[in-house]
Amino acid sequence: MRIAEGDRFKHKLTGQLFEVKMIKDDTFILESAQTPYRMWFGEEGVELFFETAAKKRLKK
């Protein structure tokens, strides 16, 4: 899977939407729009816990 900044993902367990805010050294920082949560994952973690969501940007 090719992941880029701005891509959106839906958490498989909670259904919460996250957007990739930054990519650094094969680590992806995902930020939620509904809550102040941020998560750090490698590509394998993103593929395991998230599914691709629509390409629309999240509102702040």
N, C-alpha and C. Protein backbone atom coordinates (compact mmCIF):
# COMPACT_ATOMS: atom_id res chain seq x y z
N MET A 1 0.84 -1.17 0.00
CA MET A 1 0.00 0.00 0.00
C MET A 1 0.90 1.24 0.00
N ARG A 2 0.59 2.20 -0.84
CA ARG A 2 1.34 3.46 -0.88
C ARG A 2 0.56 4.49 -0.07
N ILE A 3 1.19 5.03 0.95
CA ILE A 3 0.54 5.99 1.85
C ILE A 3 1.20 7.35 1.67
N ALA A 4 0.37 8.41 1.55
CA ALA A 4 0.88 9.76 1.37
C ALA A 4 0.20 10.69 2.37
N GLU A 5 0.82 11.85 2.63
CA GLU A 5 0.21 12.84 3.51
C GLU A 5 -1.14 13.24 2.95
N GLY A 6 -2.13 13.36 3.83
CA GLY A 6 -3.48 13.73 3.42
C GLY A 6 -4.39 12.53 3.20
N ASP A 7 -3.83 11.32 3.11
CA ASP A 7 -4.67 10.12 2.96
C ASP A 7 -5.50 9.94 4.22
N ARG A 8 -6.72 9.43 4.03
CA ARG A 8 -7.62 9.21 5.16
C ARG A 8 -7.83 7.73 5.38
N PHE A 9 -7.94 7.36 6.66
CA PHE A 9 -8.15 5.97 7.03
C PHE A 9 -9.22 5.89 8.11
N LYS A 10 -9.96 4.79 8.09
CA LYS A 10 -10.99 4.52 9.09
C LYS A 10 -10.50 3.38 9.97
N HIS A 11 -10.51 3.59 11.29
CA HIS A 11 -10.07 2.57 12.23
C HIS A 11 -11.05 1.40 12.16
N LYS A 12 -10.54 0.19 12.01
CA LYS A 12 -11.39 -0.99 11.83
C LYS A 12 -12.23 -1.32 13.06
N LEU A 13 -11.77 -1.00 14.25
CA LEU A 13 -12.51 -1.33 15.47
C LEU A 13 -13.48 -0.23 15.90
N THR A 14 -13.06 1.02 15.84
CA THR A 14 -13.88 2.12 16.35
C THR A 14 -14.65 2.87 15.27
N GLY A 15 -14.21 2.78 14.02
CA GLY A 15 -14.84 3.52 12.94
C GLY A 15 -14.41 4.98 12.88
N GLN A 16 -13.50 5.38 13.75
CA GLN A 16 -13.03 6.76 13.81
C GLN A 16 -12.15 7.06 12.59
N LEU A 17 -12.30 8.28 12.03
CA LEU A 17 -11.53 8.68 10.86
C LEU A 17 -10.24 9.38 11.28
N PHE A 18 -9.16 9.04 10.58
CA PHE A 18 -7.85 9.63 10.80
C PHE A 18 -7.27 10.08 9.47
N GLU A 19 -6.44 11.11 9.51
CA GLU A 19 -5.75 11.61 8.33
C GLU A 19 -4.25 11.56 8.58
N VAL A 20 -3.49 11.18 7.57
CA VAL A 20 -2.03 11.16 7.67
C VAL A 20 -1.55 12.61 7.65
N LYS A 21 -0.94 13.04 8.75
CA LYS A 21 -0.45 14.42 8.86
C LYS A 21 1.02 14.55 8.51
N MET A 22 1.80 13.51 8.79
CA MET A 22 3.23 13.59 8.55
C MET A 22 3.79 12.19 8.34
N ILE A 23 4.80 12.10 7.48
CA ILE A 23 5.51 10.84 7.27
C ILE A 23 6.99 11.14 7.51
N LYS A 24 7.59 10.36 8.42
CA LYS A 24 9.01 10.56 8.70
C LYS A 24 9.65 9.22 9.02
N ASP A 25 10.67 8.87 8.28
CA ASP A 25 11.42 7.63 8.51
C ASP A 25 10.52 6.41 8.59
N ASP A 26 9.63 6.25 7.62
CA ASP A 26 8.70 5.11 7.55
C ASP A 26 7.74 5.04 8.73
N THR A 27 7.52 6.15 9.42
CA THR A 27 6.53 6.24 10.48
C THR A 27 5.46 7.23 10.05
N PHE A 28 4.20 6.84 10.23
CA PHE A 28 3.08 7.67 9.81
C PHE A 28 2.39 8.23 11.05
N ILE A 29 2.17 9.54 11.07
CA ILE A 29 1.45 10.18 12.16
C ILE A 29 0.03 10.43 11.66
N LEU A 30 -0.93 9.77 12.31
CA LEU A 30 -2.34 9.91 11.95
C LEU A 30 -3.03 10.74 13.01
N GLU A 31 -3.84 11.70 12.57
CA GLU A 31 -4.54 12.59 13.49
C GLU A 31 -6.04 12.47 13.27
N SER A 32 -6.78 12.41 14.37
CA SER A 32 -8.24 12.30 14.31
C SER A 32 -8.86 13.68 14.21
N ALA A 33 -9.99 13.77 13.50
CA ALA A 33 -10.72 15.04 13.40
C ALA A 33 -11.66 15.23 14.58
N GLN A 34 -12.25 14.15 15.08
CA GLN A 34 -13.26 14.24 16.13
C GLN A 34 -12.67 14.38 17.53
N THR A 35 -11.47 13.93 17.73
CA THR A 35 -10.84 13.94 19.05
C THR A 35 -9.40 14.45 18.92
N PRO A 36 -8.76 14.80 20.02
CA PRO A 36 -7.38 15.29 19.95
C PRO A 36 -6.34 14.17 19.86
N TYR A 37 -6.73 12.99 19.40
CA TYR A 37 -5.82 11.85 19.38
C TYR A 37 -4.91 11.86 18.16
N ARG A 38 -3.67 11.45 18.40
CA ARG A 38 -2.71 11.18 17.33
C ARG A 38 -2.16 9.79 17.55
N MET A 39 -1.86 9.10 16.45
CA MET A 39 -1.29 7.76 16.54
C MET A 39 -0.08 7.68 15.62
N TRP A 40 0.90 6.90 16.04
CA TRP A 40 2.10 6.68 15.26
C TRP A 40 2.13 5.22 14.86
N PHE A 41 2.35 4.95 13.57
CA PHE A 41 2.38 3.58 13.07
C PHE A 41 3.42 3.43 11.97
N GLY A 42 3.91 2.22 11.83
CA GLY A 42 4.63 1.83 10.63
C GLY A 42 3.59 1.39 9.61
N GLU A 43 4.00 1.11 8.39
CA GLU A 43 3.05 0.74 7.34
C GLU A 43 2.26 -0.52 7.70
N GLU A 44 2.91 -1.49 8.34
CA GLU A 44 2.22 -2.73 8.71
C GLU A 44 1.10 -2.47 9.70
N GLY A 45 1.31 -1.57 10.65
CA GLY A 45 0.28 -1.22 11.63
C GLY A 45 -0.91 -0.53 10.99
N VAL A 46 -0.63 0.34 10.03
CA VAL A 46 -1.73 1.02 9.32
C VAL A 46 -2.57 -0.01 8.59
N GLU A 47 -1.93 -0.93 7.88
CA GLU A 47 -2.66 -1.95 7.13
C GLU A 47 -3.44 -2.88 8.05
N LEU A 48 -2.93 -3.13 9.25
CA LEU A 48 -3.58 -4.05 10.18
C LEU A 48 -4.81 -3.42 10.85
N PHE A 49 -4.71 -2.17 11.29
CA PHE A 49 -5.76 -1.54 12.08
C PHE A 49 -6.68 -0.59 11.32
N PHE A 50 -6.33 -0.23 10.08
CA PHE A 50 -7.11 0.78 9.35
C PHE A 50 -7.49 0.28 7.97
N GLU A 51 -8.59 0.87 7.44
CA GLU A 51 -8.97 0.66 6.05
C GLU A 51 -9.05 2.03 5.39
N THR A 52 -8.85 2.07 4.09
CA THR A 52 -8.84 3.33 3.36
C THR A 52 -10.21 3.97 3.39
N ALA A 53 -10.25 5.28 3.62
CA ALA A 53 -11.50 6.06 3.61
C ALA A 53 -11.47 6.98 2.39
N ALA A 54 -12.53 7.74 2.20
CA ALA A 54 -12.62 8.67 1.07
C ALA A 54 -11.47 9.67 1.11
N LYS A 55 -11.12 10.21 -0.05
CA LYS A 55 -9.98 11.13 -0.16
C LYS A 55 -10.30 12.57 0.24
N LYS A 56 -11.46 12.83 0.82
CA LYS A 56 -11.85 14.16 1.25
C LYS A 56 -11.06 14.55 2.50
N ARG A 57 -10.58 15.79 2.57
CA ARG A 57 -9.79 16.24 3.72
C ARG A 57 -10.69 16.46 4.94
N LEU A 58 -10.14 16.19 6.12
CA LEU A 58 -10.87 16.36 7.36
C LEU A 58 -10.97 17.84 7.73
N LYS A 59 -12.09 18.22 8.35
CA LYS A 59 -12.29 19.61 8.79
C LYS A 59 -11.71 19.80 10.17
N LYS A 60 -11.19 20.97 10.44
CA LYS A 60 -10.65 21.30 11.77
C LYS A 60 -11.64 22.12 12.53
